[in-house]
Amino acid sequence: MLNENDVLILDKIVEHCDRVTETISNVTMDNFWIDRDKQDIVLFNIFQVGEYAKRLSVELINKYNEIDWKNIKGMRDIIGHCYDSIDYEIVWDSANNDIPKIHDYVSKIIKENQTN
């Protein structure tokens, strides 16, 4: 059973994943390259996913280790500390490939713990 704080954090991670997905829905990579607002929204929400991942309990991270929590947190650090040298190709790839996987995995954790 998850502690209450982990449940709240996982819910926030799902919300930020949804925001990324909504932002890039029906957007081409070329459009993403020129739309700074979309870039900022995606970056902020990926940052938040990593920030919330840093707040998860060690117990949760150890139990649900099928996802690379370390890289999720690392992406947050890159966005936060190296903002002026962001590689938007990596951001685009992460938004399209990693964020949906994180969303699905975290949603699965939440669902498993609602039925227990």
N, C-alpha and C. Protein backbone atom coordinates (compact mmCIF):
# COMPACT_ATOMS: atom_id res chain seq x y z
N MET A 1 0.84 -1.19 0.00
CA MET A 1 0.00 0.00 0.00
C MET A 1 0.88 1.24 0.00
N LEU A 2 0.52 2.20 -0.83
CA LEU A 2 1.28 3.44 -0.91
C LEU A 2 0.93 4.38 0.23
N ASN A 3 1.92 5.18 0.63
CA ASN A 3 1.59 6.20 1.62
C ASN A 3 0.86 7.34 0.92
N GLU A 4 0.18 8.14 1.71
CA GLU A 4 -0.67 9.21 1.17
C GLU A 4 0.13 10.21 0.34
N ASN A 5 1.33 10.53 0.77
CA ASN A 5 2.17 11.48 0.04
C ASN A 5 2.53 10.94 -1.35
N ASP A 6 2.89 9.67 -1.42
CA ASP A 6 3.23 9.08 -2.72
C ASP A 6 2.03 9.11 -3.67
N VAL A 7 0.85 8.86 -3.14
CA VAL A 7 -0.37 8.88 -3.97
C VAL A 7 -0.56 10.28 -4.55
N LEU A 8 -0.43 11.30 -3.74
CA LEU A 8 -0.58 12.68 -4.22
C LEU A 8 0.47 13.02 -5.27
N ILE A 9 1.69 12.59 -5.04
CA ILE A 9 2.78 12.85 -5.98
C ILE A 9 2.53 12.14 -7.30
N LEU A 10 2.13 10.90 -7.26
CA LEU A 10 1.86 10.14 -8.48
C LEU A 10 0.73 10.80 -9.28
N ASP A 11 -0.29 11.27 -8.59
CA ASP A 11 -1.37 11.99 -9.28
C ASP A 11 -0.84 13.22 -10.00
N LYS A 12 0.06 13.95 -9.36
CA LYS A 12 0.66 15.15 -9.98
C LYS A 12 1.50 14.77 -11.20
N ILE A 13 2.23 13.68 -11.11
CA ILE A 13 3.04 13.23 -12.24
C ILE A 13 2.13 12.94 -13.44
N VAL A 14 1.03 12.27 -13.20
CA VAL A 14 0.08 11.97 -14.28
C VAL A 14 -0.46 13.27 -14.87
N GLU A 15 -0.80 14.22 -14.03
CA GLU A 15 -1.31 15.51 -14.53
C GLU A 15 -0.30 16.20 -15.44
N HIS A 16 0.96 16.20 -15.04
CA HIS A 16 1.98 16.87 -15.85
C HIS A 16 2.27 16.10 -17.14
N CYS A 17 2.19 14.79 -17.08
CA CYS A 17 2.33 14.00 -18.32
C CYS A 17 1.18 14.33 -19.27
N ASP A 18 -0.02 14.42 -18.73
CA ASP A 18 -1.18 14.78 -19.56
C ASP A 18 -0.98 16.14 -20.21
N ARG A 19 -0.44 17.08 -19.48
CA ARG A 19 -0.24 18.43 -20.02
C ARG A 19 0.75 18.41 -21.18
N VAL A 20 1.80 17.60 -21.07
CA VAL A 20 2.76 17.46 -22.17
C VAL A 20 2.04 16.88 -23.39
N THR A 21 1.31 15.81 -23.17
CA THR A 21 0.62 15.14 -24.27
C THR A 21 -0.38 16.07 -24.94
N GLU A 22 -1.14 16.81 -24.14
CA GLU A 22 -2.10 17.76 -24.70
C GLU A 22 -1.40 18.83 -25.53
N THR A 23 -0.26 19.29 -25.05
CA THR A 23 0.45 20.39 -25.71
C THR A 23 0.99 19.98 -27.07
N ILE A 24 1.46 18.74 -27.20
CA ILE A 24 2.05 18.32 -28.47
C ILE A 24 1.08 17.57 -29.37
N SER A 25 -0.14 17.40 -28.90
CA SER A 25 -1.15 16.73 -29.71
C SER A 25 -1.36 17.51 -31.00
N ASN A 26 -1.30 16.81 -32.10
CA ASN A 26 -1.48 17.41 -33.43
C ASN A 26 -0.44 18.47 -33.78
N VAL A 27 0.72 18.37 -33.17
CA VAL A 27 1.82 19.30 -33.45
C VAL A 27 2.94 18.52 -34.13
N THR A 28 3.45 19.06 -35.21
CA THR A 28 4.59 18.43 -35.87
C THR A 28 5.88 18.89 -35.19
N MET A 29 6.93 18.14 -35.43
CA MET A 29 8.22 18.52 -34.89
C MET A 29 8.64 19.90 -35.41
N ASP A 30 8.37 20.17 -36.69
CA ASP A 30 8.71 21.48 -37.25
C ASP A 30 7.97 22.60 -36.54
N ASN A 31 6.69 22.38 -36.24
CA ASN A 31 5.93 23.39 -35.51
C ASN A 31 6.45 23.56 -34.09
N PHE A 32 6.83 22.46 -33.48
CA PHE A 32 7.38 22.52 -32.13
C PHE A 32 8.66 23.36 -32.11
N TRP A 33 9.50 23.19 -33.13
CA TRP A 33 10.77 23.92 -33.22
C TRP A 33 10.58 25.43 -33.22
N ILE A 34 9.48 25.90 -33.80
CA ILE A 34 9.30 27.34 -33.92
C ILE A 34 8.32 27.93 -32.91
N ASP A 35 7.67 27.09 -32.12
CA ASP A 35 6.67 27.57 -31.17
C ASP A 35 7.26 27.57 -29.75
N ARG A 36 7.77 28.71 -29.35
CA ARG A 36 8.42 28.82 -28.03
C ARG A 36 7.45 28.59 -26.89
N ASP A 37 6.21 28.95 -27.08
CA ASP A 37 5.22 28.71 -26.03
C ASP A 37 5.05 27.22 -25.78
N LYS A 38 4.93 26.46 -26.84
CA LYS A 38 4.80 25.00 -26.69
C LYS A 38 6.07 24.42 -26.07
N GLN A 39 7.23 24.89 -26.50
CA GLN A 39 8.49 24.44 -25.92
C GLN A 39 8.51 24.69 -24.41
N ASP A 40 8.12 25.90 -24.02
CA ASP A 40 8.13 26.25 -22.60
C ASP A 40 7.15 25.40 -21.80
N ILE A 41 5.97 25.17 -22.35
CA ILE A 41 4.97 24.35 -21.65
C ILE A 41 5.49 22.93 -21.47
N VAL A 42 6.05 22.36 -22.53
CA VAL A 42 6.57 21.00 -22.46
C VAL A 42 7.73 20.92 -21.48
N LEU A 43 8.66 21.85 -21.58
CA LEU A 43 9.81 21.85 -20.67
C LEU A 43 9.37 21.96 -19.22
N PHE A 44 8.47 22.89 -18.94
CA PHE A 44 8.01 23.07 -17.57
C PHE A 44 7.39 21.79 -17.02
N ASN A 45 6.57 21.16 -17.82
CA ASN A 45 5.87 19.97 -17.34
C ASN A 45 6.79 18.76 -17.22
N ILE A 46 7.76 18.62 -18.11
CA ILE A 46 8.76 17.56 -17.94
C ILE A 46 9.59 17.83 -16.69
N PHE A 47 9.94 19.09 -16.48
CA PHE A 47 10.64 19.49 -15.26
C PHE A 47 9.84 19.08 -14.03
N GLN A 48 8.54 19.36 -14.04
CA GLN A 48 7.70 19.03 -12.91
C GLN A 48 7.61 17.52 -12.68
N VAL A 49 7.55 16.75 -13.74
CA VAL A 49 7.55 15.28 -13.59
C VAL A 49 8.79 14.86 -12.82
N GLY A 50 9.95 15.39 -13.21
CA GLY A 50 11.19 15.06 -12.51
C GLY A 50 11.22 15.58 -11.09
N GLU A 51 10.70 16.77 -10.89
CA GLU A 51 10.65 17.35 -9.54
C GLU A 51 9.80 16.49 -8.61
N TYR A 52 8.65 16.09 -9.09
CA TYR A 52 7.79 15.23 -8.27
C TYR A 52 8.42 13.85 -8.06
N ALA A 53 9.10 13.33 -9.06
CA ALA A 53 9.77 12.03 -8.91
C ALA A 53 10.79 12.08 -7.78
N LYS A 54 11.43 13.22 -7.62
CA LYS A 54 12.42 13.38 -6.54
C LYS A 54 11.77 13.31 -5.16
N ARG A 55 10.48 13.53 -5.09
CA ARG A 55 9.77 13.55 -3.80
C ARG A 55 9.17 12.20 -3.43
N LEU A 56 9.23 11.24 -4.35
CA LEU A 56 8.69 9.91 -4.06
C LEU A 56 9.52 9.21 -2.99
N SER A 57 8.87 8.38 -2.23
CA SER A 57 9.57 7.64 -1.18
C SER A 57 10.53 6.61 -1.78
N VAL A 58 11.57 6.32 -1.06
CA VAL A 58 12.54 5.31 -1.47
C VAL A 58 11.84 3.96 -1.60
N GLU A 59 10.87 3.71 -0.74
CA GLU A 59 10.14 2.44 -0.79
C GLU A 59 9.40 2.29 -2.12
N LEU A 60 8.75 3.34 -2.56
CA LEU A 60 8.03 3.27 -3.83
C LEU A 60 9.01 3.07 -4.98
N ILE A 61 10.08 3.83 -5.00
CA ILE A 61 11.05 3.73 -6.09
C ILE A 61 11.67 2.33 -6.13
N ASN A 62 11.94 1.77 -4.97
CA ASN A 62 12.51 0.41 -4.94
C ASN A 62 11.50 -0.65 -5.37
N LYS A 63 10.25 -0.47 -4.99
CA LYS A 63 9.22 -1.45 -5.34
C LYS A 63 8.84 -1.36 -6.82
N TYR A 64 8.72 -0.15 -7.33
CA TYR A 64 8.30 0.06 -8.72
C TYR A 64 9.50 0.54 -9.53
N ASN A 65 10.36 -0.39 -9.82
CA ASN A 65 11.65 -0.05 -10.45
C ASN A 65 11.72 -0.44 -11.93
N GLU A 66 10.58 -0.64 -12.54
CA GLU A 66 10.56 -0.96 -13.97
C GLU A 66 10.75 0.28 -14.84
N ILE A 67 10.82 1.41 -14.22
CA ILE A 67 11.02 2.67 -14.93
C ILE A 67 12.30 3.30 -14.37
N ASP A 68 12.96 4.07 -15.18
CA ASP A 68 14.24 4.66 -14.78
C ASP A 68 14.02 6.00 -14.07
N TRP A 69 13.70 5.92 -12.78
CA TRP A 69 13.45 7.11 -11.99
C TRP A 69 14.66 8.04 -12.00
N LYS A 70 15.85 7.47 -12.01
CA LYS A 70 17.07 8.29 -11.98
C LYS A 70 17.14 9.19 -13.21
N ASN A 71 16.83 8.66 -14.39
CA ASN A 71 16.86 9.48 -15.60
C ASN A 71 15.75 10.52 -15.62
N ILE A 72 14.61 10.18 -15.04
CA ILE A 72 13.51 11.15 -14.96
C ILE A 72 13.96 12.34 -14.11
N LYS A 73 14.59 12.04 -12.99
CA LYS A 73 15.09 13.11 -12.12
C LYS A 73 16.23 13.87 -12.80
N GLY A 74 17.04 13.15 -13.54
CA GLY A 74 18.17 13.77 -14.24
C GLY A 74 17.71 14.74 -15.32
N MET A 75 16.64 14.41 -16.00
CA MET A 75 16.09 15.31 -17.02
C MET A 75 15.65 16.62 -16.36
N ARG A 76 15.07 16.52 -15.19
CA ARG A 76 14.67 17.70 -14.44
C ARG A 76 15.89 18.57 -14.15
N ASP A 77 16.98 17.95 -13.74
CA ASP A 77 18.19 18.70 -13.41
C ASP A 77 18.77 19.39 -14.64
N ILE A 78 18.75 18.71 -15.77
CA ILE A 78 19.25 19.32 -17.01
C ILE A 78 18.41 20.54 -17.38
N ILE A 79 17.09 20.39 -17.32
CA ILE A 79 16.21 21.50 -17.66
C ILE A 79 16.42 22.66 -16.69
N GLY A 80 16.54 22.35 -15.42
CA GLY A 80 16.67 23.39 -14.41
C GLY A 80 18.01 24.09 -14.39
N HIS A 81 19.07 23.37 -14.70
CA HIS A 81 20.41 23.94 -14.55
C HIS A 81 21.10 24.27 -15.87
N CYS A 82 20.62 23.73 -16.95
CA CYS A 82 21.26 23.96 -18.27
C CYS A 82 20.25 24.48 -19.27
N TYR A 83 19.36 25.33 -18.80
CA TYR A 83 18.25 25.77 -19.62
C TYR A 83 18.69 26.39 -20.94
N ASP A 84 19.82 27.10 -20.93
CA ASP A 84 20.26 27.79 -22.14
C ASP A 84 20.88 26.86 -23.18
N SER A 85 21.04 25.59 -22.85
CA SER A 85 21.63 24.66 -23.81
C SER A 85 20.75 23.41 -24.01
N ILE A 86 19.45 23.59 -23.91
CA ILE A 86 18.51 22.49 -24.08
C ILE A 86 18.53 22.00 -25.53
N ASP A 87 18.57 20.69 -25.69
CA ASP A 87 18.49 20.06 -27.00
C ASP A 87 17.01 19.72 -27.24
N TYR A 88 16.35 20.52 -28.07
CA TYR A 88 14.91 20.36 -28.28
C TYR A 88 14.56 19.09 -29.04
N GLU A 89 15.50 18.50 -29.72
CA GLU A 89 15.25 17.21 -30.35
C GLU A 89 15.06 16.13 -29.28
N ILE A 90 15.86 16.22 -28.23
CA ILE A 90 15.72 15.28 -27.10
C ILE A 90 14.41 15.54 -26.37
N VAL A 91 14.07 16.80 -26.19
CA VAL A 91 12.81 17.16 -25.53
C VAL A 91 11.63 16.61 -26.34
N TRP A 92 11.66 16.80 -27.64
CA TRP A 92 10.60 16.31 -28.51
C TRP A 92 10.48 14.79 -28.40
N ASP A 93 11.61 14.11 -28.44
CA ASP A 93 11.62 12.65 -28.32
C ASP A 93 11.07 12.22 -26.96
N SER A 94 11.50 12.88 -25.93
CA SER A 94 11.02 12.55 -24.59
C SER A 94 9.52 12.78 -24.46
N ALA A 95 9.06 13.90 -24.99
CA ALA A 95 7.63 14.22 -24.91
C ALA A 95 6.78 13.18 -25.64
N ASN A 96 7.28 12.68 -26.75
CA ASN A 96 6.52 11.73 -27.56
C ASN A 96 6.70 10.28 -27.15
N ASN A 97 7.83 9.95 -26.56
CA ASN A 97 8.10 8.54 -26.24
C ASN A 97 8.16 8.25 -24.75
N ASP A 98 8.89 9.06 -24.00
CA ASP A 98 9.08 8.77 -22.57
C ASP A 98 7.87 9.17 -21.73
N ILE A 99 7.33 10.33 -22.00
CA ILE A 99 6.21 10.83 -21.19
C ILE A 99 5.00 9.88 -21.25
N PRO A 100 4.61 9.37 -22.41
CA PRO A 100 3.49 8.40 -22.41
C PRO A 100 3.80 7.13 -21.61
N LYS A 101 5.05 6.68 -21.65
CA LYS A 101 5.43 5.49 -20.86
C LYS A 101 5.36 5.79 -19.36
N ILE A 102 5.86 6.96 -18.98
CA ILE A 102 5.79 7.36 -17.57
C ILE A 102 4.33 7.44 -17.14
N HIS A 103 3.52 8.09 -17.96
CA HIS A 103 2.09 8.22 -17.66
C HIS A 103 1.46 6.85 -17.44
N ASP A 104 1.68 5.94 -18.35
CA ASP A 104 1.07 4.61 -18.26
C ASP A 104 1.56 3.85 -17.04
N TYR A 105 2.86 3.93 -16.76
CA TYR A 105 3.42 3.20 -15.63
C TYR A 105 2.91 3.76 -14.31
N VAL A 106 2.91 5.07 -14.19
CA VAL A 106 2.43 5.69 -12.95
C VAL A 106 0.93 5.45 -12.78
N SER A 107 0.17 5.51 -13.85
CA SER A 107 -1.26 5.21 -13.78
C SER A 107 -1.49 3.77 -13.31
N LYS A 108 -0.66 2.87 -13.78
CA LYS A 108 -0.74 1.46 -13.37
C LYS A 108 -0.47 1.33 -11.88
N ILE A 109 0.53 2.03 -11.38
CA ILE A 109 0.84 2.00 -9.93
C ILE A 109 -0.37 2.49 -9.14
N ILE A 110 -0.94 3.59 -9.57
CA ILE A 110 -2.09 4.16 -8.88
C ILE A 110 -3.25 3.17 -8.88
N LYS A 111 -3.52 2.61 -10.04
CA LYS A 111 -4.65 1.66 -10.15
C LYS A 111 -4.44 0.42 -9.28
N GLU A 112 -3.23 -0.12 -9.30
CA GLU A 112 -2.92 -1.29 -8.47
C GLU A 112 -3.17 -1.01 -7.00
N ASN A 113 -2.88 0.17 -6.58
CA ASN A 113 -2.99 0.50 -5.17
C ASN A 113 -4.38 0.99 -4.77
N GLN A 114 -5.23 1.26 -5.73
CA GLN A 114 -6.62 1.61 -5.41
C GLN A 114 -7.44 0.37 -5.14
N THR A 115 -7.06 -0.74 -5.75
CA THR A 115 -7.82 -1.97 -5.60
C THR A 115 -7.37 -2.79 -4.40
N ASN A 116 -6.24 -2.41 -3.82
CA ASN A 116 -5.71 -3.18 -2.67
C ASN A 116 -6.19 -2.62 -1.36
